Amino acid sequence: MEAFYKSVDPLEKEDIAAAIAYALTQPARVSVNEILIRPSNQEM
């Protein structure tokens, strides 16, 4: 597990802020119900 965690670049606070801003700035006709945020180099 330690090797796995060392291989993943951690998210930065700006990454989370950008996702929140995206959700909050959608038009009223758009419903954002869930957002999954994880490092792009993390396996699913």
C-alpha atoms as a PDB file:
ATOM      1  CA  MET A   1       0.000   0.000   0.000  1.00  0.00           C
ATOM      2  CA  GLU A   2       2.831   2.379   0.759  1.00  0.00           C
ATOM      3  CA  ALA A   3       4.157   2.043  -2.789  1.00  0.00           C
ATOM      4  CA  PHE A   4       0.678   2.704  -4.145  1.00  0.00           C
ATOM      5  CA  TYR A   5       0.254   5.907  -2.145  1.00  0.00           C
ATOM      6  CA  LYS A   6       3.685   7.117  -3.200  1.00  0.00           C
ATOM      7  CA  SER A   7       2.785   6.548  -6.858  1.00  0.00           C
ATOM      8  CA  VAL A   8      -0.304   8.799  -6.762  1.00  0.00           C
ATOM      9  CA  ASP A   9       0.060  12.557  -7.024  1.00  0.00           C
ATOM     10  CA  PRO A  10      -2.145  14.099  -4.334  1.00  0.00           C
ATOM     11  CA  LEU A  11      -4.900  16.534  -5.207  1.00  0.00           C
ATOM     12  CA  GLU A  12      -4.354  20.182  -4.439  1.00  0.00           C
ATOM     13  CA  LYS A  13      -6.860  22.521  -2.826  1.00  0.00           C
ATOM     14  CA  GLU A  14      -7.298  24.289  -6.169  1.00  0.00           C
ATOM     15  CA  ASP A  15      -8.489  21.011  -7.715  1.00  0.00           C
ATOM     16  CA  ILE A  16     -11.302  20.741  -5.188  1.00  0.00           C
ATOM     17  CA  ALA A  17     -12.148  24.430  -5.491  1.00  0.00           C
ATOM     18  CA  ALA A  18     -12.414  24.138  -9.296  1.00  0.00           C
ATOM     19  CA  ALA A  19     -14.831  21.198  -9.000  1.00  0.00           C
ATOM     20  CA  ILE A  20     -16.996  23.090  -6.507  1.00  0.00           C
ATOM     21  CA  ALA A  21     -16.988  26.191  -8.708  1.00  0.00           C
ATOM     22  CA  TYR A  22     -18.040  24.056 -11.674  1.00  0.00           C
ATOM     23  CA  ALA A  23     -20.996  22.617  -9.762  1.00  0.00           C
ATOM     24  CA  LEU A  24     -22.109  25.992  -8.429  1.00  0.00           C
ATOM     25  CA  THR A  25     -21.934  27.800 -11.750  1.00  0.00           C
ATOM     26  CA  GLN A  26     -24.175  25.472 -13.733  1.00  0.00           C
ATOM     27  CA  PRO A  27     -27.475  26.869 -15.023  1.00  0.00           C
ATOM     28  CA  ALA A  28     -30.590  26.262 -12.928  1.00  0.00           C
ATOM     29  CA  ARG A  29     -31.729  23.604 -15.437  1.00  0.00           C
ATOM     30  CA  VAL A  30     -28.653  21.497 -14.563  1.00  0.00           C
ATOM     31  CA  SER A  31     -28.689  19.301 -11.475  1.00  0.00           C
ATOM     32  CA  VAL A  32     -25.279  18.200 -10.246  1.00  0.00           C
ATOM     33  CA  ASN A  33     -26.012  15.360  -7.832  1.00  0.00           C
ATOM     34  CA  GLU A  34     -22.604  13.838  -7.284  1.00  0.00           C
ATOM     35  CA  ILE A  35     -19.000  14.716  -7.927  1.00  0.00           C
ATOM     36  CA  LEU A  36     -16.199  12.193  -7.638  1.00  0.00           C
ATOM     37  CA  ILE A  37     -12.797  13.815  -7.393  1.00  0.00           C
ATOM     38  CA  ARG A  38      -9.644  11.744  -7.362  1.00  0.00           C
ATOM     39  CA  PRO A  39      -6.159  11.944  -8.788  1.00  0.00           C
ATOM     40  CA  SER A  40      -6.171  11.157 -12.502  1.00  0.00           C
ATOM     41  CA  ASN A  41      -3.335   8.655 -12.144  1.00  0.00           C
ATOM     42  CA  GLN A  42      -5.216   6.635  -9.497  1.00  0.00           C
ATOM     43  CA  GLU A  43      -6.585   3.349 -10.738  1.00  0.00           C
ATOM     44  CA  MET A  44     -10.327   2.835 -10.472  1.00  0.00           C
END
